[in-house]
């Protein structure tokens, strides 16, 4: 059994848009057979939480440096460019899992 990825989904408040994005990411991972645990946070918590996750997803622009791959997932909420975002998520997750 491959290890489970821990994915951080962050938005401004850590509540509204990250919940929508979290559900979309969960569905994408499930559909593509990617074992993942998703945690939510606010944008300001990214720096302190990044050590504990494999991948960071944000619903808005994040300009601080991060040590983990970062994917902008606002399109999962707006519906714009969803296919490309889904492709990026699957590709990045599979690279992280060495699949």
PDB file of N, CA and C in Angstrom:
ATOM      1  N   UNK A   1       0.851  -1.199   0.000  1.00  0.00           N
ATOM      2  CA  UNK A   1       0.000   0.000   0.000  1.00  0.00           C
ATOM      3  C   UNK A   1       0.887   1.249   0.000  1.00  0.00           C
ATOM      4  N   UNK A   2       0.708   2.125  -0.973  1.00  0.00           N
ATOM      5  CA  UNK A   2       1.540   3.328  -0.992  1.00  0.00           C
ATOM      6  C   UNK A   2       1.197   4.219   0.201  1.00  0.00           C
ATOM      7  N   UNK A   3       2.151   5.025   0.580  1.00  0.00           N
ATOM      8  CA  UNK A   3       1.879   5.919   1.704  1.00  0.00           C
ATOM      9  C   UNK A   3       0.823   6.936   1.314  1.00  0.00           C
ATOM     10  N   UNK A   4       0.243   7.559   2.299  1.00  0.00           N
ATOM     11  CA  UNK A   4      -0.795   8.547   2.067  1.00  0.00           C
ATOM     12  C   UNK A   4      -0.171   9.932   2.008  1.00  0.00           C
ATOM     13  N   UNK A   5      -0.577  10.722   1.023  1.00  0.00           N
ATOM     14  CA  UNK A   5      -0.102  12.104   0.935  1.00  0.00           C
ATOM     15  C   UNK A   5      -0.906  12.966   1.896  1.00  0.00           C
ATOM     16  N   UNK A   6      -0.253  13.931   2.487  1.00  0.00           N
ATOM     17  CA  UNK A   6      -0.970  14.911   3.291  1.00  0.00           C
ATOM     18  C   UNK A   6      -0.990  16.211   2.491  1.00  0.00           C
ATOM     19  N   UNK A   7      -2.188  16.670   2.186  1.00  0.00           N
ATOM     20  CA  UNK A   7      -2.366  17.855   1.359  1.00  0.00           C
ATOM     21  C   UNK A   7      -2.975  18.971   2.204  1.00  0.00           C
ATOM     22  N   UNK A   8      -2.340  20.127   2.180  1.00  0.00           N
ATOM     23  CA  UNK A   8      -2.845  21.296   2.889  1.00  0.00           C
ATOM     24  C   UNK A   8      -3.625  22.159   1.909  1.00  0.00           C
ATOM     25  N   UNK A   9      -4.894  22.428   2.212  1.00  0.00           N
ATOM     26  CA  UNK A   9      -5.705  23.308   1.382  1.00  0.00           C
ATOM     27  C   UNK A   9      -5.947  24.585   2.186  1.00  0.00           C
ATOM     28  N   UNK A  10      -5.452  25.712   1.671  1.00  0.00           N
ATOM     29  CA  UNK A  10      -5.537  26.964   2.421  1.00  0.00           C
ATOM     30  C   UNK A  10      -6.318  28.032   1.667  1.00  0.00           C
ATOM     31  N   UNK A  11      -7.100  28.804   2.436  1.00  0.00           N
ATOM     32  CA  UNK A  11      -7.771  29.982   1.887  1.00  0.00           C
ATOM     33  C   UNK A  11      -7.627  31.105   2.903  1.00  0.00           C
ATOM     34  N   UNK A  12      -8.168  32.258   2.584  1.00  0.00           N
ATOM     35  CA  UNK A  12      -8.030  33.416   3.461  1.00  0.00           C
ATOM     36  C   UNK A  12      -8.437  33.159   4.893  1.00  0.00           C
ATOM     37  N   UNK A  13      -9.642  32.613   5.089  1.00  0.00           N
ATOM     38  CA  UNK A  13     -10.150  32.426   6.444  1.00  0.00           C
ATOM     39  C   UNK A  13     -10.006  30.992   6.941  1.00  0.00           C
ATOM     40  N   UNK A  14      -9.694  30.066   6.046  1.00  0.00           N
ATOM     41  CA  UNK A  14      -9.609  28.660   6.448  1.00  0.00           C
ATOM     42  C   UNK A  14     -10.968  28.005   6.541  1.00  0.00           C
ATOM     43  N   UNK A  15     -12.015  28.692   6.063  1.00  0.00           N
ATOM     44  CA  UNK A  15     -13.355  28.134   6.192  1.00  0.00           C
ATOM     45  C   UNK A  15     -14.027  27.925   4.835  1.00  0.00           C
ATOM     46  N   UNK A  16     -14.522  28.990   4.244  1.00  0.00           N
ATOM     47  CA  UNK A  16     -15.427  28.854   3.109  1.00  0.00           C
ATOM     48  C   UNK A  16     -14.816  28.230   1.867  1.00  0.00           C
ATOM     49  N   UNK A  17     -13.940  28.955   1.177  1.00  0.00           N
ATOM     50  CA  UNK A  17     -13.446  28.436  -0.103  1.00  0.00           C
ATOM     51  C   UNK A  17     -12.583  27.199   0.074  1.00  0.00           C
ATOM     52  N   UNK A  18     -11.869  27.087   1.195  1.00  0.00           N
ATOM     53  CA  UNK A  18     -11.035  25.888   1.354  1.00  0.00           C
ATOM     54  C   UNK A  18     -11.901  24.641   1.528  1.00  0.00           C
ATOM     55  N   UNK A  19     -13.116  24.796   2.073  1.00  0.00           N
ATOM     56  CA  UNK A  19     -14.017  23.650   2.221  1.00  0.00           C
ATOM     57  C   UNK A  19     -14.462  23.160   0.849  1.00  0.00           C
ATOM     58  N   UNK A  20     -14.820  24.094  -0.022  1.00  0.00           N
ATOM     59  CA  UNK A  20     -15.220  23.739  -1.388  1.00  0.00           C
ATOM     60  C   UNK A  20     -14.040  23.090  -2.117  1.00  0.00           C
ATOM     61  N   UNK A  21     -12.866  23.720  -2.018  1.00  0.00           N
ATOM     62  CA  UNK A  21     -11.672  23.187  -2.684  1.00  0.00           C
ATOM     63  C   UNK A  21     -11.296  21.822  -2.106  1.00  0.00           C
ATOM     64  N   UNK A  22     -11.411  21.682  -0.797  1.00  0.00           N
ATOM     65  CA  UNK A  22     -11.070  20.417  -0.137  1.00  0.00           C
ATOM     66  C   UNK A  22     -11.909  19.269  -0.694  1.00  0.00           C
ATOM     67  N   UNK A  23     -13.211  19.495  -0.839  1.00  0.00           N
ATOM     68  CA  UNK A  23     -14.092  18.451  -1.375  1.00  0.00           C
ATOM     69  C   UNK A  23     -13.718  18.107  -2.815  1.00  0.00           C
ATOM     70  N   UNK A  24     -13.407  19.123  -3.612  1.00  0.00           N
ATOM     71  CA  UNK A  24     -13.014  18.892  -5.001  1.00  0.00           C
ATOM     72  C   UNK A  24     -11.710  18.097  -5.070  1.00  0.00           C
ATOM     73  N   UNK A  25     -10.739  18.458  -4.228  1.00  0.00           N
ATOM     74  CA  UNK A  25      -9.453  17.761  -4.215  1.00  0.00           C
ATOM     75  C   UNK A  25      -9.650  16.317  -3.758  1.00  0.00           C
ATOM     76  N   UNK A  26     -10.496  16.118  -2.765  1.00  0.00           N
ATOM     77  CA  UNK A  26     -10.793  14.767  -2.269  1.00  0.00           C
ATOM     78  C   UNK A  26     -11.348  13.906  -3.401  1.00  0.00           C
ATOM     79  N   UNK A  27     -12.295  14.478  -4.175  1.00  0.00           N
ATOM     80  CA  UNK A  27     -12.895  13.746  -5.294  1.00  0.00           C
ATOM     81  C   UNK A  27     -11.862  13.416  -6.368  1.00  0.00           C
ATOM     82  N   UNK A  28     -11.001  14.392  -6.685  1.00  0.00           N
ATOM     83  CA  UNK A  28      -9.962  14.183  -7.698  1.00  0.00           C
ATOM     84  C   UNK A  28      -9.021  13.056  -7.259  1.00  0.00           C
ATOM     85  N   UNK A  29      -8.598  13.084  -6.012  1.00  0.00           N
ATOM     86  CA  UNK A  29      -7.682  12.054  -5.511  1.00  0.00           C
ATOM     87  C   UNK A  29      -8.342  10.681  -5.547  1.00  0.00           C
ATOM     88  N   UNK A  30      -9.590  10.613  -5.085  1.00  0.00           N
ATOM     89  CA  UNK A  30     -10.323   9.343  -5.049  1.00  0.00           C
ATOM     90  C   UNK A  30     -10.467   8.774  -6.458  1.00  0.00           C
ATOM     91  N   UNK A  31     -10.876   9.639  -7.388  1.00  0.00           N
ATOM     92  CA  UNK A  31     -11.104   9.241  -8.776  1.00  0.00           C
ATOM     93  C   UNK A  31      -9.827   8.708  -9.436  1.00  0.00           C
ATOM     94  N   UNK A  32      -8.676   9.222  -8.989  1.00  0.00           N
ATOM     95  CA  UNK A  32      -7.404   8.840  -9.599  1.00  0.00           C
ATOM     96  C   UNK A  32      -6.585   7.872  -8.742  1.00  0.00           C
ATOM     97  N   UNK A  33      -7.219   7.321  -7.702  1.00  0.00           N
ATOM     98  CA  UNK A  33      -6.561   6.327  -6.861  1.00  0.00           C
ATOM     99  C   UNK A  33      -5.377   6.870  -6.074  1.00  0.00           C
ATOM    100  N   UNK A  34      -5.458   8.129  -5.652  1.00  0.00           N
ATOM    101  CA  UNK A  34      -4.371   8.740  -4.893  1.00  0.00           C
ATOM    102  C   UNK A  34      -4.757   8.764  -3.412  1.00  0.00           C
ATOM    103  N   UNK A  35      -4.006   8.034  -2.579  1.00  0.00           N
ATOM    104  CA  UNK A  35      -4.332   8.047  -1.149  1.00  0.00           C
ATOM    105  C   UNK A  35      -3.922   9.380  -0.534  1.00  0.00           C
ATOM    106  N   UNK A  36      -4.901  10.130  -0.032  1.00  0.00           N
ATOM    107  CA  UNK A  36      -4.586  11.462   0.485  1.00  0.00           C
ATOM    108  C   UNK A  36      -5.411  11.814   1.711  1.00  0.00           C
ATOM    109  N   UNK A  37      -4.756  12.516   2.611  1.00  0.00           N
ATOM    110  CA  UNK A  37      -5.420  13.087   3.774  1.00  0.00           C
ATOM    111  C   UNK A  37      -5.360  14.593   3.556  1.00  0.00           C
ATOM    112  N   UNK A  38      -6.486  15.260   3.705  1.00  0.00           N
ATOM    113  CA  UNK A  38      -6.528  16.691   3.418  1.00  0.00           C
ATOM    114  C   UNK A  38      -6.766  17.473   4.697  1.00  0.00           C
ATOM    115  N   UNK A  39      -5.915  18.458   4.910  1.00  0.00           N
ATOM    116  CA  UNK A  39      -6.071  19.335   6.062  1.00  0.00           C
ATOM    117  C   UNK A  39      -6.295  20.757   5.569  1.00  0.00           C
ATOM    118  N   UNK A  40      -7.126  21.500   6.300  1.00  0.00           N
ATOM    119  CA  UNK A  40      -7.433  22.873   5.902  1.00  0.00           C
ATOM    120  C   UNK A  40      -6.681  23.842   6.806  1.00  0.00           C
ATOM    121  N   UNK A  41      -6.417  25.018   6.258  1.00  0.00           N
ATOM    122  CA  UNK A  41      -5.812  26.061   7.082  1.00  0.00           C
ATOM    123  C   UNK A  41      -6.075  27.419   6.469  1.00  0.00           C
ATOM    124  N   UNK A  42      -5.621  28.451   7.179  1.00  0.00           N
ATOM    125  CA  UNK A  42      -5.675  29.800   6.626  1.00  0.00           C
ATOM    126  C   UNK A  42      -4.365  30.041   5.895  1.00  0.00           C
ATOM    127  N   UNK A  43      -4.333  31.068   5.079  1.00  0.00           N
ATOM    128  CA  UNK A  43      -3.103  31.402   4.348  1.00  0.00           C
ATOM    129  C   UNK A  43      -1.965  31.704   5.323  1.00  0.00           C
ATOM    130  N   UNK A  44      -2.289  32.346   6.431  1.00  0.00           N
ATOM    131  CA  UNK A  44      -1.234  32.730   7.381  1.00  0.00           C
ATOM    132  C   UNK A  44      -0.622  31.535   8.115  1.00  0.00           C
ATOM    133  N   UNK A  45      -1.294  30.382   8.092  1.00  0.00           N
ATOM    134  CA  UNK A  45      -0.762  29.195   8.769  1.00  0.00           C
ATOM    135  C   UNK A  45       0.158  28.348   7.885  1.00  0.00           C
ATOM    136  N   UNK A  46       0.234  28.679   6.596  1.00  0.00           N
ATOM    137  CA  UNK A  46       1.015  27.858   5.670  1.00  0.00           C
ATOM    138  C   UNK A  46       2.458  27.696   6.140  1.00  0.00           C
ATOM    139  N   UNK A  47       3.107  28.789   6.516  1.00  0.00           N
ATOM    140  CA  UNK A  47       4.514  28.705   6.920  1.00  0.00           C
ATOM    141  C   UNK A  47       4.722  27.718   8.067  1.00  0.00           C
ATOM    142  N   UNK A  48       3.844  27.755   9.055  1.00  0.00           N
ATOM    143  CA  UNK A  48       4.029  26.879  10.214  1.00  0.00           C
ATOM    144  C   UNK A  48       3.596  25.440   9.942  1.00  0.00           C
ATOM    145  N   UNK A  49       2.683  25.235   9.007  1.00  0.00           N
ATOM    146  CA  UNK A  49       2.169  23.883   8.758  1.00  0.00           C
ATOM    147  C   UNK A  49       2.870  23.143   7.624  1.00  0.00           C
ATOM    148  N   UNK A  50       3.671  23.845   6.809  1.00  0.00           N
ATOM    149  CA  UNK A  50       4.213  23.212   5.610  1.00  0.00           C
ATOM    150  C   UNK A  50       5.145  22.031   5.906  1.00  0.00           C
ATOM    151  N   UNK A  51       5.777  22.022   7.082  1.00  0.00           N
ATOM    152  CA  UNK A  51       6.679  20.919   7.415  1.00  0.00           C
ATOM    153  C   UNK A  51       5.932  19.594   7.555  1.00  0.00           C
ATOM    154  N   UNK A  52       4.632  19.682   7.874  1.00  0.00           N
ATOM    155  CA  UNK A  52       3.851  18.470   8.150  1.00  0.00           C
ATOM    156  C   UNK A  52       3.051  17.968   6.954  1.00  0.00           C
ATOM    157  N   UNK A  53       3.223  18.603   5.802  1.00  0.00           N
ATOM    158  CA  UNK A  53       2.439  18.198   4.634  1.00  0.00           C
ATOM    159  C   UNK A  53       3.346  17.914   3.437  1.00  0.00           C
ATOM    160  N   UNK A  54       2.771  17.228   2.429  1.00  0.00           N
ATOM    161  CA  UNK A  54       3.528  16.898   1.210  1.00  0.00           C
ATOM    162  C   UNK A  54       3.283  17.913   0.102  1.00  0.00           C
ATOM    163  N   UNK A  55       2.116  18.546   0.146  1.00  0.00           N
ATOM    164  CA  UNK A  55       1.678  19.385  -0.960  1.00  0.00           C
ATOM    165  C   UNK A  55       0.784  20.488  -0.415  1.00  0.00           C
ATOM    166  N   UNK A  56       0.924  21.684  -0.971  1.00  0.00           N
ATOM    167  CA  UNK A  56       0.127  22.823  -0.529  1.00  0.00           C
ATOM    168  C   UNK A  56      -0.754  23.283  -1.689  1.00  0.00           C
ATOM    169  N   UNK A  57      -2.039  23.494  -1.388  1.00  0.00           N
ATOM    170  CA  UNK A  57      -2.958  24.023  -2.392  1.00  0.00           C
ATOM    171  C   UNK A  57      -3.590  25.281  -1.826  1.00  0.00           C
ATOM    172  N   UNK A  58      -3.634  26.324  -2.636  1.00  0.00           N
ATOM    173  CA  UNK A  58      -4.172  27.601  -2.181  1.00  0.00           C
ATOM    174  C   UNK A  58      -5.296  28.075  -3.098  1.00  0.00           C
ATOM    175  N   UNK A  59      -6.256  28.799  -2.501  1.00  0.00           N
ATOM    176  CA  UNK A  59      -7.371  29.303  -3.302  1.00  0.00           C
ATOM    177  C   UNK A  59      -7.144  30.738  -3.749  1.00  0.00           C
ATOM    178  N   UNK A  60      -6.025  31.316  -3.349  1.00  0.00           N
ATOM    179  CA  UNK A  60      -5.703  32.685  -3.725  1.00  0.00           C
ATOM    180  C   UNK A  60      -4.186  32.804  -3.896  1.00  0.00           C
ATOM    181  N   UNK A  61      -3.702  33.938  -4.324  1.00  0.00           N
ATOM    182  CA  UNK A  61      -2.248  34.082  -4.516  1.00  0.00           C
ATOM    183  C   UNK A  61      -1.498  33.979  -3.202  1.00  0.00           C
ATOM    184  N   UNK A  62      -0.389  33.250  -3.228  1.00  0.00           N
ATOM    185  CA  UNK A  62       0.463  33.133  -2.041  1.00  0.00           C
ATOM    186  C   UNK A  62       1.887  33.403  -2.496  1.00  0.00           C
ATOM    187  N   UNK A  63       2.483  34.465  -1.947  1.00  0.00           N
ATOM    188  CA  UNK A  63       3.768  34.911  -2.475  1.00  0.00           C
ATOM    189  C   UNK A  63       4.980  34.557  -1.620  1.00  0.00           C
ATOM    190  N   UNK A  64       4.754  34.037  -0.417  1.00  0.00           N
ATOM    191  CA  UNK A  64       5.908  33.699   0.428  1.00  0.00           C
ATOM    192  C   UNK A  64       6.550  32.419  -0.088  1.00  0.00           C
ATOM    193  N   UNK A  65       7.848  32.252   0.167  1.00  0.00           N
ATOM    194  CA  UNK A  65       8.495  31.018  -0.293  1.00  0.00           C
ATOM    195  C   UNK A  65       8.004  29.811   0.506  1.00  0.00           C
ATOM    196  N   UNK A  66       7.820  28.702  -0.193  1.00  0.00           N
ATOM    197  CA  UNK A  66       7.428  27.455   0.480  1.00  0.00           C
ATOM    198  C   UNK A  66       8.405  26.356   0.102  1.00  0.00           C
ATOM    199  N   UNK A  67       8.501  25.356   0.953  1.00  0.00           N
ATOM    200  CA  UNK A  67       9.435  24.251   0.732  1.00  0.00           C
ATOM    201  C   UNK A  67       8.774  23.070   0.026  1.00  0.00           C
ATOM    202  N   UNK A  68       7.467  23.158  -0.157  1.00  0.00           N
ATOM    203  CA  UNK A  68       6.723  22.053  -0.762  1.00  0.00           C
ATOM    204  C   UNK A  68       6.073  22.525  -2.055  1.00  0.00           C
ATOM    205  N   UNK A  69       5.694  21.579  -2.935  1.00  0.00           N
ATOM    206  CA  UNK A  69       5.007  21.991  -4.165  1.00  0.00           C
ATOM    207  C   UNK A  69       3.722  22.749  -3.818  1.00  0.00           C
ATOM    208  N   UNK A  70       3.417  23.778  -4.598  1.00  0.00           N
ATOM    209  CA  UNK A  70       2.238  24.600  -4.347  1.00  0.00           C
ATOM    210  C   UNK A  70       1.398  24.674  -5.618  1.00  0.00           C
ATOM    211  N   UNK A  71       0.119  24.388  -5.481  1.00  0.00           N
ATOM    212  CA  UNK A  71      -0.793  24.443  -6.626  1.00  0.00           C
ATOM    213  C   UNK A  71      -1.913  25.422  -6.297  1.00  0.00           C
ATOM    214  N   UNK A  72      -2.176  26.331  -7.214  1.00  0.00           N
ATOM    215  CA  UNK A  72      -3.282  27.274  -7.043  1.00  0.00           C
ATOM    216  C   UNK A  72      -4.564  26.603  -7.527  1.00  0.00           C
ATOM    217  N   UNK A  73      -5.554  26.478  -6.644  1.00  0.00           N
ATOM    218  CA  UNK A  73      -6.752  25.705  -6.979  1.00  0.00           C
ATOM    219  C   UNK A  73      -8.037  26.537  -6.999  1.00  0.00           C
ATOM    220  N   UNK A  74      -7.907  27.853  -7.199  1.00  0.00           N
ATOM    221  CA  UNK A  74      -9.120  28.673  -7.229  1.00  0.00           C
ATOM    222  C   UNK A  74     -10.086  28.204  -8.316  1.00  0.00           C
ATOM    223  N   UNK A  75      -9.553  27.685  -9.394  1.00  0.00           N
ATOM    224  CA  UNK A  75     -10.403  27.200 -10.491  1.00  0.00           C
ATOM    225  C   UNK A  75     -11.352  26.089 -10.092  1.00  0.00           C
ATOM    226  N   UNK A  76     -11.029  25.365  -9.025  1.00  0.00           N
ATOM    227  CA  UNK A  76     -11.937  24.313  -8.556  1.00  0.00           C
ATOM    228  C   UNK A  76     -13.199  24.942  -7.970  1.00  0.00           C
ATOM    229  N   UNK A  77     -13.093  26.190  -7.547  1.00  0.00           N
ATOM    230  CA  UNK A  77     -14.240  26.904  -6.983  1.00  0.00           C
ATOM    231  C   UNK A  77     -14.960  27.681  -8.082  1.00  0.00           C
ATOM    232  N   UNK A  78     -14.181  28.357  -8.924  1.00  0.00           N
ATOM    233  CA  UNK A  78     -14.771  29.198  -9.971  1.00  0.00           C
ATOM    234  C   UNK A  78     -15.233  28.377 -11.176  1.00  0.00           C
ATOM    235  N   UNK A  79     -14.650  27.179 -11.331  1.00  0.00           N
ATOM    236  CA  UNK A  79     -14.987  26.354 -12.485  1.00  0.00           C
ATOM    237  C   UNK A  79     -14.158  26.689 -13.714  1.00  0.00           C
ATOM    238  N   UNK A  80     -13.266  27.665 -13.589  1.00  0.00           N
ATOM    239  CA  UNK A  80     -12.437  28.076 -14.729  1.00  0.00           C
ATOM    240  C   UNK A  80     -11.121  27.298 -14.725  1.00  0.00           C
ATOM    241  N   UNK A  81     -10.847  26.611 -15.824  1.00  0.00           N
ATOM    242  CA  UNK A  81      -9.595  25.874 -15.941  1.00  0.00           C
ATOM    243  C   UNK A  81      -9.505  24.644 -15.052  1.00  0.00           C
ATOM    244  N   UNK A  82     -10.650  24.072 -14.705  1.00  0.00           N
ATOM    245  CA  UNK A  82     -10.676  22.917 -13.795  1.00  0.00           C
ATOM    246  C   UNK A  82      -9.871  21.728 -14.303  1.00  0.00           C
ATOM    247  N   UNK A  83      -9.981  21.450 -15.614  1.00  0.00           N
ATOM    248  CA  UNK A  83      -9.276  20.287 -16.164  1.00  0.00           C
ATOM    249  C   UNK A  83      -7.773  20.417 -15.987  1.00  0.00           C
ATOM    250  N   UNK A  84      -7.251  21.607 -16.234  1.00  0.00           N
ATOM    251  CA  UNK A  84      -5.814  21.843 -16.099  1.00  0.00           C
ATOM    252  C   UNK A  84      -5.380  21.692 -14.637  1.00  0.00           C
ATOM    253  N   UNK A  85      -6.173  22.220 -13.730  1.00  0.00           N
ATOM    254  CA  UNK A  85      -5.852  22.108 -12.301  1.00  0.00           C
ATOM    255  C   UNK A  85      -5.883  20.650 -11.872  1.00  0.00           C
ATOM    256  N   UNK A  86      -6.913  19.928 -12.309  1.00  0.00           N
ATOM    257  CA  UNK A  86      -7.016  18.508 -11.968  1.00  0.00           C
ATOM    258  C   UNK A  86      -5.798  17.745 -12.486  1.00  0.00           C
ATOM    259  N   UNK A  87      -5.409  18.062 -13.712  1.00  0.00           N
ATOM    260  CA  UNK A  87      -4.220  17.445 -14.317  1.00  0.00           C
ATOM    261  C   UNK A  87      -2.965  17.727 -13.472  1.00  0.00           C
ATOM    262  N   UNK A  88      -2.798  18.984 -13.058  1.00  0.00           N
ATOM    263  CA  UNK A  88      -1.648  19.366 -12.222  1.00  0.00           C
ATOM    264  C   UNK A  88      -1.652  18.618 -10.888  1.00  0.00           C
ATOM    265  N   UNK A  89      -2.836  18.512 -10.281  1.00  0.00           N
ATOM    266  CA  UNK A  89      -2.951  17.829  -8.984  1.00  0.00           C
ATOM    267  C   UNK A  89      -2.552  16.371  -9.127  1.00  0.00           C
ATOM    268  N   UNK A  90      -3.123  15.694 -10.123  1.00  0.00           N
ATOM    269  CA  UNK A  90      -2.842  14.260 -10.325  1.00  0.00           C
ATOM    270  C   UNK A  90      -1.351  14.051 -10.627  1.00  0.00           C
ATOM    271  N   UNK A  91      -0.816  14.856 -11.523  1.00  0.00           N
ATOM    272  CA  UNK A  91       0.596  14.728 -11.904  1.00  0.00           C
ATOM    273  C   UNK A  91       1.516  14.938 -10.686  1.00  0.00           C
ATOM    274  N   UNK A  92       1.262  16.002  -9.927  1.00  0.00           N
ATOM    275  CA  UNK A  92       2.097  16.308  -8.770  1.00  0.00           C
ATOM    276  C   UNK A  92       1.984  15.224  -7.703  1.00  0.00           C
ATOM    277  N   UNK A  93       0.766  14.776  -7.437  1.00  0.00           N
ATOM    278  CA  UNK A  93       0.571  13.724  -6.423  1.00  0.00           C
ATOM    279  C   UNK A  93       1.289  12.441  -6.818  1.00  0.00           C
ATOM    280  N   UNK A  94       1.164  12.076  -8.096  1.00  0.00           N
ATOM    281  CA  UNK A  94       1.816  10.841  -8.547  1.00  0.00           C
ATOM    282  C   UNK A  94       3.335  10.956  -8.483  1.00  0.00           C
ATOM    283  N   UNK A  95       3.856  12.154  -8.781  1.00  0.00           N
ATOM    284  CA  UNK A  95       5.315  12.363  -8.656  1.00  0.00           C
ATOM    285  C   UNK A  95       5.741  12.225  -7.195  1.00  0.00           C
ATOM    286  N   UNK A  96       4.968  12.803  -6.291  1.00  0.00           N
ATOM    287  CA  UNK A  96       5.296  12.734  -4.862  1.00  0.00           C
ATOM    288  C   UNK A  96       5.244  11.302  -4.335  1.00  0.00           C
ATOM    289  N   UNK A  97       4.341  10.505  -4.906  1.00  0.00           N
ATOM    290  CA  UNK A  97       4.203   9.098  -4.477  1.00  0.00           C
ATOM    291  C   UNK A  97       5.104   8.167  -5.282  1.00  0.00           C
ATOM    292  N   UNK A  98       5.864   8.748  -6.216  1.00  0.00           N
ATOM    293  CA  UNK A  98       6.715   7.966  -7.126  1.00  0.00           C
ATOM    294  C   UNK A  98       5.935   6.922  -7.903  1.00  0.00           C
ATOM    295  N   UNK A  99       4.759   7.292  -8.390  1.00  0.00           N
ATOM    296  CA  UNK A  99       3.937   6.341  -9.159  1.00  0.00           C
ATOM    297  C   UNK A  99       4.223   6.492 -10.645  1.00  0.00           C
TER     298      UNK A  99
END
